[in-house]
Each structure stands twice: as C-alpha cells, then as structure tokens.
C-alpha atoms as a PDB file:
ATOM      1  CA  MET A   1     -23.083  45.971 -22.316  1.00  0.00           C
ATOM      2  CA  ARG A   2     -21.062  46.987 -19.426  1.00  0.00           C
ATOM      3  CA  LEU A   3     -21.985  44.441 -16.658  1.00  0.00           C
ATOM      4  CA  ALA A   4     -21.292  46.190 -12.792  1.00  0.00           C
ATOM      5  CA  LEU A   5     -21.587  42.317 -11.045  1.00  0.00           C
ATOM      6  CA  VAL A   6     -22.330  42.856  -7.025  1.00  0.00           C
ATOM      7  CA  GLY A   7     -20.561  39.346  -5.456  1.00  0.00           C
ATOM      8  CA  GLY A   8     -18.290  36.993  -6.182  1.00  0.00           C
ATOM      9  CA  GLY A   9     -19.532  33.513  -5.689  1.00  0.00           C
ATOM     10  CA  VAL A  10     -20.519  30.356  -7.443  1.00  0.00           C
ATOM     11  CA  LEU A  11     -23.594  31.757  -9.305  1.00  0.00           C
ATOM     12  CA  ALA A  12     -21.401  35.327  -9.583  1.00  0.00           C
ATOM     13  CA  ARG A  13     -19.269  33.593 -11.742  1.00  0.00           C
ATOM     14  CA  HIS A  14     -21.059  31.539 -14.024  1.00  0.00           C
ATOM     15  CA  ILE A  15     -23.284  35.082 -14.739  1.00  0.00           C
ATOM     16  CA  ALA A  16     -20.009  36.803 -15.118  1.00  0.00           C
ATOM     17  CA  ARG A  17     -18.255  33.700 -17.616  1.00  0.00           C
ATOM     18  CA  ALA A  18     -21.687  33.336 -19.137  1.00  0.00           C
ATOM     19  CA  ALA A  19     -21.540  37.121 -20.009  1.00  0.00           C
ATOM     20  CA  ALA A  20     -18.251  37.487 -21.355  1.00  0.00           C
ATOM     21  CA  ALA A  21     -18.713  34.643 -23.848  1.00  0.00           C
ATOM     22  CA  ARG A  22     -21.372  36.150 -25.414  1.00  0.00           C
ATOM     23  CA  GLY A  23     -19.126  39.838 -25.756  1.00  0.00           C
ATOM     24  CA  ASP A  24     -20.530  41.607 -22.529  1.00  0.00           C
ATOM     25  CA  VAL A  25     -17.754  43.800 -20.285  1.00  0.00           C
ATOM     26  CA  VAL A  26     -18.258  42.979 -16.955  1.00  0.00           C
ATOM     27  CA  VAL A  27     -16.933  44.272 -13.539  1.00  0.00           C
ATOM     28  CA  ALA A  28     -17.187  42.929 -10.789  1.00  0.00           C
ATOM     29  CA  THR A  29     -17.102  43.722  -7.130  1.00  0.00           C
ATOM     30  CA  SER A  30     -16.554  41.427  -3.822  1.00  0.00           C
ATOM     31  CA  PRO A  31     -14.882  41.700  -0.691  1.00  0.00           C
ATOM     32  CA  LYS A  32     -12.742  39.241  -1.521  1.00  0.00           C
ATOM     33  CA  PRO A  33     -10.854  37.947  -5.182  1.00  0.00           C
ATOM     34  CA  SER A  34     -12.552  36.246  -6.787  1.00  0.00           C
ATOM     35  CA  ASP A  35     -12.080  34.249 -10.344  1.00  0.00           C
ATOM     36  CA  LEU A  36     -14.344  36.197 -12.701  1.00  0.00           C
ATOM     37  CA  PRO A  37     -12.930  36.915 -16.350  1.00  0.00           C
ATOM     38  CA  GLY A  38     -12.949  40.505 -16.486  1.00  0.00           C
ATOM     39  CA  LEU A  39     -12.034  43.392 -14.377  1.00  0.00           C
ATOM     40  CA  TRP A  40     -12.484  42.646 -10.912  1.00  0.00           C
ATOM     41  CA  MET A  41     -12.148  45.289  -7.791  1.00  0.00           C
ATOM     42  CA  VAL A  42     -12.624  45.409  -3.920  1.00  0.00           C
ATOM     43  CA  GLY A  43     -16.055  46.580  -2.502  1.00  0.00           C
ATOM     44  CA  ASP A  44     -18.057  45.824   0.318  1.00  0.00           C
ATOM     45  CA  ALA A  45     -21.653  46.081  -0.231  1.00  0.00           C
ATOM     46  CA  ILE A  46     -22.927  46.768   3.178  1.00  0.00           C
ATOM     47  CA  SER A  47     -20.718  49.774   3.154  1.00  0.00           C
ATOM     48  CA  GLY A  48     -20.814  51.104  -0.314  1.00  0.00           C
ATOM     49  CA  ARG A  49     -17.364  51.200  -0.619  1.00  0.00           C
ATOM     50  CA  GLY A  50     -16.425  50.642  -4.371  1.00  0.00           C
ATOM     51  CA  LEU A  51     -19.680  50.654  -5.759  1.00  0.00           C
ATOM     52  CA  ARG A  52     -19.912  53.601  -7.403  1.00  0.00           C
ATOM     53  CA  ARG A  53     -16.557  52.605  -9.156  1.00  0.00           C
ATOM     54  CA  THR A  54     -17.564  49.222 -10.248  1.00  0.00           C
ATOM     55  CA  ALA A  55     -21.159  50.738 -11.372  1.00  0.00           C
ATOM     56  CA  ARG A  56     -19.371  53.793 -13.461  1.00  0.00           C
ATOM     57  CA  GLY A  57     -20.413  53.611 -17.070  1.00  0.00           C
ATOM     58  CA  ALA A  58     -22.885  50.580 -16.176  1.00  0.00           C
ATOM     59  CA  ASP A  59     -25.810  49.722 -18.105  1.00  0.00           C
ATOM     60  CA  VAL A  60     -26.955  47.308 -15.322  1.00  0.00           C
ATOM     61  CA  VAL A  61     -26.003  46.434 -12.175  1.00  0.00           C
ATOM     62  CA  ILE A  62     -26.704  43.144 -11.118  1.00  0.00           C
ATOM     63  CA  TRP A  63     -26.682  42.081  -7.480  1.00  0.00           C
ATOM     64  CA  ALA A  64     -25.580  38.195  -6.623  1.00  0.00           C
ATOM     65  CA  ALA A  65     -23.908  38.509  -3.208  1.00  0.00           C
ATOM     66  CA  GLY A  66     -25.456  35.902  -0.305  1.00  0.00           C
ATOM     67  CA  ALA A  67     -23.094  35.204   2.606  1.00  0.00           C
ATOM     68  CA  GLN A  68     -24.111  33.347   5.963  1.00  0.00           C
ATOM     69  CA  ASP A  69     -23.545  35.792   8.440  1.00  0.00           C
ATOM     70  CA  ASP A  70     -24.974  39.127   8.890  1.00  0.00           C
ATOM     71  CA  ILE A  71     -28.020  38.391   6.457  1.00  0.00           C
ATOM     72  CA  GLU A  72     -30.000  41.213   7.346  1.00  0.00           C
ATOM     73  CA  GLU A  73     -27.532  44.162   7.183  1.00  0.00           C
ATOM     74  CA  LEU A  74     -26.203  42.645   3.826  1.00  0.00           C
ATOM     75  CA  TYR A  75     -29.589  41.956   2.388  1.00  0.00           C
ATOM     76  CA  GLY A  76     -31.293  45.267   4.150  1.00  0.00           C
ATOM     77  CA  VAL A  77     -28.337  47.152   3.458  1.00  0.00           C
ATOM     78  CA  GLY A  78     -26.496  46.343   0.385  1.00  0.00           C
ATOM     79  CA  VAL A  79     -29.209  45.675  -1.977  1.00  0.00           C
ATOM     80  CA  ARG A  80     -30.469  49.853  -1.135  1.00  0.00           C
ATOM     81  CA  ASN A  81     -26.720  50.686  -1.339  1.00  0.00           C
ATOM     82  CA  ALA A  82     -26.941  48.705  -5.465  1.00  0.00           C
ATOM     83  CA  ALA A  83     -30.551  50.223  -5.774  1.00  0.00           C
ATOM     84  CA  VAL A  84     -28.703  54.006  -5.318  1.00  0.00           C
ATOM     85  CA  THR A  85     -25.843  53.239  -7.137  1.00  0.00           C
ATOM     86  CA  ALA A  86     -27.920  52.227 -10.015  1.00  0.00           C
ATOM     87  CA  GLN A  87     -30.140  55.128  -9.997  1.00  0.00           C
ATOM     88  CA  GLN A  88     -26.843  57.563  -9.585  1.00  0.00           C
ATOM     89  CA  GLU A  89     -25.583  55.491 -12.645  1.00  0.00           C
ATOM     90  CA  GLY A  90     -28.765  55.347 -14.916  1.00  0.00           C
ATOM     91  CA  ALA A  91     -28.632  51.750 -14.899  1.00  0.00           C
ATOM     92  CA  ARG A  92     -30.813  48.797 -14.996  1.00  0.00           C
ATOM     93  CA  LEU A  93     -31.044  46.674 -11.660  1.00  0.00           C
ATOM     94  CA  VAL A  94     -31.188  43.066 -11.309  1.00  0.00           C
ATOM     95  CA  VAL A  95     -31.075  41.604  -8.421  1.00  0.00           C
ATOM     96  CA  ILE A  96     -31.161  37.724  -7.240  1.00  0.00           C
ATOM     97  CA  GLY A  97     -32.470  36.795  -4.352  1.00  0.00           C
ATOM     98  CA  PRO A  98     -33.778  33.303  -2.993  1.00  0.00           C
ATOM     99  CA  ARG A  99     -36.945  31.764  -3.613  1.00  0.00           C
ATOM    100  CA  GLY A 100     -39.633  31.474  -1.112  1.00  0.00           C
ATOM    101  CA  ALA A 101     -38.555  34.551   0.648  1.00  0.00           C
ATOM    102  CA  SER A 102     -41.788  35.917   3.020  1.00  0.00           C
ATOM    103  CA  ALA A 103     -42.568  37.623   6.357  1.00  0.00           C
ATOM    104  CA  GLY A 104     -43.520  34.791   8.323  1.00  0.00           C
ATOM    105  CA  GLY A 105     -41.347  32.267   7.329  1.00  0.00           C
ATOM    106  CA  SER A 106     -39.416  30.361  10.323  1.00  0.00           C
ATOM    107  CA  ALA A 107     -35.803  30.977   8.087  1.00  0.00           C
ATOM    108  CA  ARG A 108     -34.133  33.778   8.747  1.00  0.00           C
ATOM    109  CA  SER A 109     -32.425  34.603   5.706  1.00  0.00           C
ATOM    110  CA  LEU A 110     -35.768  34.038   3.371  1.00  0.00           C
ATOM    111  CA  ARG A 111     -36.907  37.080   5.960  1.00  0.00           C
ATOM    112  CA  ALA A 112     -34.574  39.114   5.404  1.00  0.00           C
ATOM    113  CA  TRP A 113     -35.030  38.317   1.893  1.00  0.00           C
ATOM    114  CA  TYR A 114     -38.784  39.608   2.002  1.00  0.00           C
ATOM    115  CA  ALA A 115     -38.299  42.966   3.974  1.00  0.00           C
ATOM    116  CA  ALA A 116     -35.351  43.798   1.087  1.00  0.00           C
ATOM    117  CA  SER A 117     -37.313  42.936  -1.210  1.00  0.00           C
ATOM    118  CA  GLU A 118     -40.569  44.953  -0.091  1.00  0.00           C
ATOM    119  CA  ALA A 119     -37.813  47.928   0.219  1.00  0.00           C
ATOM    120  CA  LEU A 120     -36.745  47.778  -2.985  1.00  0.00           C
ATOM    121  CA  GLN A 121     -40.202  47.948  -4.837  1.00  0.00           C
ATOM    122  CA  ASP A 122     -40.867  51.523  -3.181  1.00  0.00           C
ATOM    123  CA  LEU A 123     -36.425  52.631  -3.921  1.00  0.00           C
ATOM    124  CA  ALA A 124     -36.275  50.959  -7.749  1.00  0.00           C
ATOM    125  CA  PRO A 125     -39.184  50.267  -8.692  1.00  0.00           C
ATOM    126  CA  SER A 126     -37.562  50.029 -12.472  1.00  0.00           C
ATOM    127  CA  ALA A 127     -35.771  46.757 -11.031  1.00  0.00           C
ATOM    128  CA  VAL A 128     -35.749  43.222 -12.067  1.00  0.00           C
ATOM    129  CA  GLU A 129     -35.943  40.795  -9.218  1.00  0.00           C
ATOM    130  CA  LEU A 130     -35.147  36.767  -9.795  1.00  0.00           C
ATOM    131  CA  ARG A 131     -35.239  34.686  -6.774  1.00  0.00           C
ATOM    132  CA  VAL A 132     -33.804  31.425  -7.190  1.00  0.00           C
ATOM    133  CA  PRO A 133     -34.737  27.741  -5.219  1.00  0.00           C
ATOM    134  CA  PRO A 134     -31.343  25.549  -4.556  1.00  0.00           C
ATOM    135  CA  LEU A 135     -29.174  25.263  -7.658  1.00  0.00           C
ATOM    136  CA  PHE A 136     -27.103  22.727  -9.034  1.00  0.00           C
ATOM    137  CA  GLY A 137     -24.747  22.195 -10.960  1.00  0.00           C
ATOM    138  CA  THR A 138     -20.654  21.161 -10.877  1.00  0.00           C
ATOM    139  CA  GLU A 139     -19.870  23.944  -8.760  1.00  0.00           C
ATOM    140  CA  ALA A 140     -22.943  24.503  -6.854  1.00  0.00           C
ATOM    141  CA  HIS A 141     -23.626  23.507  -3.573  1.00  0.00           C
ATOM    142  CA  LEU A 142     -26.143  20.993  -4.715  1.00  0.00           C
ATOM    143  CA  LEU A 143     -24.284  17.997  -6.492  1.00  0.00           C
ATOM    144  CA  GLY A 144     -21.204  20.004  -6.579  1.00  0.00           C
ATOM    145  CA  PRO A 145     -19.765  18.601  -3.663  1.00  0.00           C
ATOM    146  CA  TRP A 146     -21.023  14.891  -4.248  1.00  0.00           C
ATOM    147  CA  LEU A 147     -19.188  15.333  -7.734  1.00  0.00           C
ATOM    148  CA  ALA A 148     -16.194  16.456  -6.438  1.00  0.00           C
ATOM    149  CA  ALA A 149     -16.385  13.468  -3.415  1.00  0.00           C
ATOM    150  CA  ALA A 150     -16.923  11.116  -6.260  1.00  0.00           C
ATOM    151  CA  ARG A 151     -13.631  12.239  -8.427  1.00  0.00           C
ATOM    152  CA  ARG A 152     -11.627  12.194  -5.046  1.00  0.00           C
ATOM    153  CA  GLY A 153     -12.840   8.390  -4.073  1.00  0.00           C
ATOM    154  CA  ASP A 154     -14.517   9.991  -1.500  1.00  0.00           C
ATOM    155  CA  ALA A 155     -18.033   9.030   0.322  1.00  0.00           C
ATOM    156  CA  LEU A 156     -21.103  11.056  -0.782  1.00  0.00           C
ATOM    157  CA  LYS A 157     -22.145  12.806   2.827  1.00  0.00           C
ATOM    158  CA  VAL A 158     -26.272  13.300   3.120  1.00  0.00           C
ATOM    159  CA  PRO A 159     -27.522  15.822   5.059  1.00  0.00           C
ATOM    160  CA  SER A 160     -30.924  15.353   5.979  1.00  0.00           C
ATOM    161  CA  PRO A 161     -32.173  12.831   3.129  1.00  0.00           C
ATOM    162  CA  SER A 162     -35.709  13.203   3.165  1.00  0.00           C
ATOM    163  CA  THR A 163     -35.274  17.107   2.811  1.00  0.00           C
ATOM    164  CA  GLN A 164     -37.303  17.737  -0.485  1.00  0.00           C
ATOM    165  CA  VAL A 165     -36.097  19.960  -3.009  1.00  0.00           C
ATOM    166  CA  ALA A 166     -36.767  21.779  -6.411  1.00  0.00           C
ATOM    167  CA  PRO A 167     -32.817  22.708  -7.630  1.00  0.00           C
ATOM    168  CA  LEU A 168     -32.694  24.713 -10.795  1.00  0.00           C
ATOM    169  CA  CYS A 169     -29.854  24.019 -13.249  1.00  0.00           C
ATOM    170  CA  ILE A 170     -27.565  27.008 -12.325  1.00  0.00           C
ATOM    171  CA  ASP A 171     -26.974  27.480 -16.095  1.00  0.00           C
ATOM    172  CA  ASP A 172     -30.919  28.433 -16.509  1.00  0.00           C
ATOM    173  CA  ALA A 173     -30.338  30.623 -13.785  1.00  0.00           C
ATOM    174  CA  VAL A 174     -27.556  32.216 -15.189  1.00  0.00           C
ATOM    175  CA  ALA A 175     -29.705  32.437 -18.729  1.00  0.00           C
ATOM    176  CA  ALA A 176     -32.836  34.492 -16.818  1.00  0.00           C
ATOM    177  CA  VAL A 177     -30.473  36.330 -15.505  1.00  0.00           C
ATOM    178  CA  LEU A 178     -28.745  37.649 -18.653  1.00  0.00           C
ATOM    179  CA  ARG A 179     -32.351  38.089 -19.876  1.00  0.00           C
ATOM    180  CA  ALA A 180     -33.267  40.675 -17.382  1.00  0.00           C
ATOM    181  CA  CYS A 181     -30.355  42.180 -18.120  1.00  0.00           C
ATOM    182  CA  ASP A 182     -30.966  42.366 -21.985  1.00  0.00           C
ATOM    183  CA  GLY A 183     -33.960  44.581 -21.047  1.00  0.00           C
ATOM    184  CA  ASP A 184     -36.688  41.734 -21.790  1.00  0.00           C
ATOM    185  CA  LEU A 185     -38.243  41.064 -18.345  1.00  0.00           C
ATOM    186  CA  LEU A 186     -40.621  43.813 -17.147  1.00  0.00           C
ATOM    187  CA  ALA A 187     -40.361  44.879 -13.809  1.00  0.00           C
ATOM    188  CA  GLY A 188     -41.814  42.871 -11.074  1.00  0.00           C
ATOM    189  CA  VAL A 189     -40.594  39.807  -8.806  1.00  0.00           C
ATOM    190  CA  TYR A 190     -39.899  35.857 -10.842  1.00  0.00           C
ATOM    191  CA  ASP A 191     -40.141  33.178  -8.485  1.00  0.00           C
ATOM    192  CA  LEU A 192     -38.352  30.298 -10.260  1.00  0.00           C
ATOM    193  CA  ALA A 193     -38.518  27.031  -9.070  1.00  0.00           C
ATOM    194  CA  GLY A 194     -36.676  23.994 -10.228  1.00  0.00           C
ATOM    195  CA  PRO A 195     -38.618  21.458 -12.655  1.00  0.00           C
ATOM    196  CA  GLU A 196     -38.989  18.366 -10.662  1.00  0.00           C
ATOM    197  CA  VAL A 197     -38.940  17.706  -7.269  1.00  0.00           C
ATOM    198  CA  THR A 198     -36.772  15.172  -5.437  1.00  0.00           C
ATOM    199  CA  THR A 199     -35.276  14.966  -2.030  1.00  0.00           C
ATOM    200  CA  LEU A 200     -31.318  14.648  -1.196  1.00  0.00           C
ATOM    201  CA  ASP A 201     -31.321  11.358  -0.643  1.00  0.00           C
ATOM    202  CA  ALA A 202     -32.204  10.296  -4.142  1.00  0.00           C
ATOM    203  CA  LEU A 203     -29.785  13.054  -5.566  1.00  0.00           C
ATOM    204  CA  ALA A 204     -26.800  11.297  -4.121  1.00  0.00           C
ATOM    205  CA  ARG A 205     -28.039   7.932  -5.059  1.00  0.00           C
ATOM    206  CA  GLU A 206     -27.850   8.940  -8.749  1.00  0.00           C
ATOM    207  CA  VAL A 207     -24.625   9.983  -8.233  1.00  0.00           C
ATOM    208  CA  GLU A 208     -23.927   6.829  -6.364  1.00  0.00           C
ATOM    209  CA  SER A 209     -25.423   4.911  -9.386  1.00  0.00           C
ATOM    210  CA  ARG A 210     -23.559   6.480 -12.064  1.00  0.00           C
ATOM    211  CA  THR A 211     -20.469   7.404 -10.112  1.00  0.00           C
ATOM    212  CA  GLY A 212     -20.005   4.488  -7.973  1.00  0.00           C
ATOM    213  CA  ALA A 213     -19.205   6.203  -4.730  1.00  0.00           C
ATOM    214  CA  ARG A 214     -21.063   5.336  -1.733  1.00  0.00           C
ATOM    215  CA  ARG A 215     -23.664   7.434   0.393  1.00  0.00           C
ATOM    216  CA  SER A 216     -22.881   8.825   3.543  1.00  0.00           C
ATOM    217  CA  PHE A 217     -25.491  10.260   5.975  1.00  0.00           C
ATOM    218  CA  LEU A 218     -24.519  12.837   8.225  1.00  0.00           C
ATOM    219  CA  PRO A 219     -25.748  12.966  12.021  1.00  0.00           C
ATOM    220  CA  PRO A 220     -28.112  15.846  12.615  1.00  0.00           C
ATOM    221  CA  LEU A 221     -25.648  18.105  14.276  1.00  0.00           C
ATOM    222  CA  PHE A 222     -24.325  18.801  10.898  1.00  0.00           C
ATOM    223  CA  TRP A 223     -27.133  19.702   9.616  1.00  0.00           C
ATOM    224  CA  ARG A 224     -27.422  23.637   9.955  1.00  0.00           C
ATOM    225  CA  ARG A 225     -30.850  24.193  11.440  1.00  0.00           C
ATOM    226  CA  GLU A 226     -31.169  27.981   8.716  1.00  0.00           C
ATOM    227  CA  ASP A 227     -30.350  25.564   5.830  1.00  0.00           C
ATOM    228  CA  GLN A 228     -33.625  23.001   6.520  1.00  0.00           C
ATOM    229  CA  LEU A 229     -35.968  24.942   6.886  1.00  0.00           C
ATOM    230  CA  ARG A 230     -34.431  27.393   4.039  1.00  0.00           C
ATOM    231  CA  LEU A 231     -34.959  24.274   1.467  1.00  0.00           C
ATOM    232  CA  SER A 232     -38.316  23.353   2.982  1.00  0.00           C
ATOM    233  CA  GLU A 233     -39.919  26.582   2.647  1.00  0.00           C
ATOM    234  CA  GLN A 234     -38.659  26.978  -0.740  1.00  0.00           C
ATOM    235  CA  LEU A 235     -41.196  24.369  -2.723  1.00  0.00           C
ATOM    236  CA  ALA A 236     -44.464  26.220  -2.089  1.00  0.00           C
ATOM    237  CA  GLY A 237     -45.027  29.154  -4.048  1.00  0.00           C
ATOM    238  CA  ALA A 238     -45.300  30.356  -7.784  1.00  0.00           C
ATOM    239  CA  ASP A 239     -43.328  29.450 -10.917  1.00  0.00           C
ATOM    240  CA  SER A 240     -42.539  32.127 -13.107  1.00  0.00           C
ATOM    241  CA  TRP A 241     -40.086  30.060 -15.540  1.00  0.00           C
ATOM    242  CA  ASP A 242     -42.713  30.321 -18.607  1.00  0.00           C
ATOM    243  CA  GLU A 243     -42.568  33.931 -18.166  1.00  0.00           C
ATOM    244  CA  LEU A 244     -39.285  33.861 -18.777  1.00  0.00           C
ATOM    245  CA  GLU A 245     -39.775  32.299 -22.564  1.00  0.00           C
ATOM    246  CA  LEU A 246     -36.548  30.527 -22.312  1.00  0.00           C
ATOM    247  CA  GLY A 247     -37.478  26.790 -23.464  1.00  0.00           C
ATOM    248  CA  PRO A 248     -37.526  23.406 -21.134  1.00  0.00           C
ATOM    249  CA  ARG A 249     -35.675  23.920 -17.937  1.00  0.00           C
ATOM    250  CA  THR A 250     -32.856  21.446 -17.579  1.00  0.00           C
ATOM    251  CA  THR A 251     -33.217  17.988 -15.266  1.00  0.00           C
ATOM    252  CA  ILE A 252     -30.829  16.739 -13.215  1.00  0.00           C
ATOM    253  CA  THR A 253     -30.918  13.520 -15.329  1.00  0.00           C
ATOM    254  CA  ALA A 254     -30.078  15.549 -18.944  1.00  0.00           C
ATOM    255  CA  TYR A 255     -27.032  17.724 -16.607  1.00  0.00           C
ATOM    256  CA  LEU A 256     -25.738  14.479 -15.455  1.00  0.00           C
ATOM    257  CA  ASP A 257     -25.405  12.533 -18.604  1.00  0.00           C
ATOM    258  CA  ASP A 258     -23.691  15.731 -20.229  1.00  0.00           C
ATOM    259  CA  VAL A 259     -20.954  16.303 -17.063  1.00  0.00           C
ATOM    260  CA  LEU A 260     -20.216  12.135 -17.025  1.00  0.00           C
ATOM    261  CA  GLU A 261     -18.858   9.382 -18.620  1.00  0.00           C
ATOM    262  CA  PRO A 262     -21.147   6.864 -18.763  1.00  0.00           C
ATOM    263  CA  ARG A 263     -19.891   4.060 -16.426  1.00  0.00           C
END
C-alpha cells in the first residue's frame, strides 16, 4: 500500500516507521526535513504546495500535521487541501486531530479542529477521523522529555502538577491509524482516550521512582494557558477504542516496564 503522509512531527514519524516496517511505501511531506523512513518531499499544507505531488498514486492520504501557531489556518485550510488532494487522487482519507473538539470550548486549538471537522464531513464524508488525547511514549510529549532528562541526570520539570490527563500510548495511536488505512473502519469520527486517568505529578512520580531523577515543579508562568485548557477539555467525552477491535491499550506502567531497566 502507498501512503501519503502530511506532517513531520512525532506522531507522523511513528506512523511512517510502523507503516514502512510492515511493507507499505511511505511518501511524506512537511515544511522542514524530518527523520522519516521512505521518501520525504518539501511541502506546505496551508498553501497546498507539494501535496498533489506527495499524494500521486497514493492509496491513502493521512493528515498528521500539527502546530502551536497559525492553528486556525493550518486546520481550516490545511485539512481542506488534504481532502481535496485525496479526492483528486482517488485515495482514502484518514485525518488525525485532537480529542475534545467542540464549538464552545475554551481551548483555541480544539475550537479550530471542531470547525475543520465540520467542514470535512461535508467535503469528504467518506473520511475516517481519529481524535486522539495526549500521547505518551519515548518521543511523545508525555514521558518523553522526562525520560530524556532522567538519562541526562536532570530534574523532571513538572508544569501544573494537579492537571488530569488520560493519555494514550503513541504505539496504540499508530495502530489505530494503520487500521483506518487498511479500510477496516467505517467513515466517521472516532474519539479515543487512554486506559486510565492520572495527573501530571503522578506520571512524574512514577518516572522518579523508577529512575531516581527528582521532580521539579515549574511556576505557572512556564505553563501555556492553551495547553492547560486543552488537557482539561480532553478528559470528557465518548471513547471509541473498542470499536477499533485492537485489543487492550497499553498502560503507563506496562510501557515503563518495557522501556526502563529495573533499578
């Protein structure tokens, strides 16, 4: 299968590696070079530059792009460009966005994704949309920085320690994406959640107990208000994981057992 991947971030890299490992051909596009297996092409989702060339001959177009800046334009214009490109190439469309999207939410990024999703359902009704929560893993935004800090002997910097999250292992998110690529899911929106609710401090304490690295709490000024709003709004809502028929999700404890040597 030939996959056209829009995005070059952590999730996009994991998707590309897993797809290439099972024999898929991956062609990726992003504004800057990324460490991806397969062919990489310079492209820009907002302008649409490079999308048609990346998607030429693709069976599936995967939207996995994200950014902190220009989020309304990236989601509003970029997702539309990806949908149009998929239609032009006769390819299936799989889009990955944030869990918790709503029209009246406080987080700007979640409002922007809701608007993009509504437009997508009219433009590409056959698309599969996966909405994912915060992801944890060695490279992901949760656990990744702390595991790297522990290896360096640095403190584990913890913002907003009482903030609750229900994170999903990045490998489980990738499995969901590949299942959608295989055509095994009906068109529609799938809201995914992690297997357990915890706090950022509890996560950091788990890493601390296993590595010996000490926690260090960051003052509120180091914590983006948008991030805090988004995390709190991603807790509520349905969970479509069982519909994917992928088996149990990876717990944080099981993941750390796998990646860390016993002390």
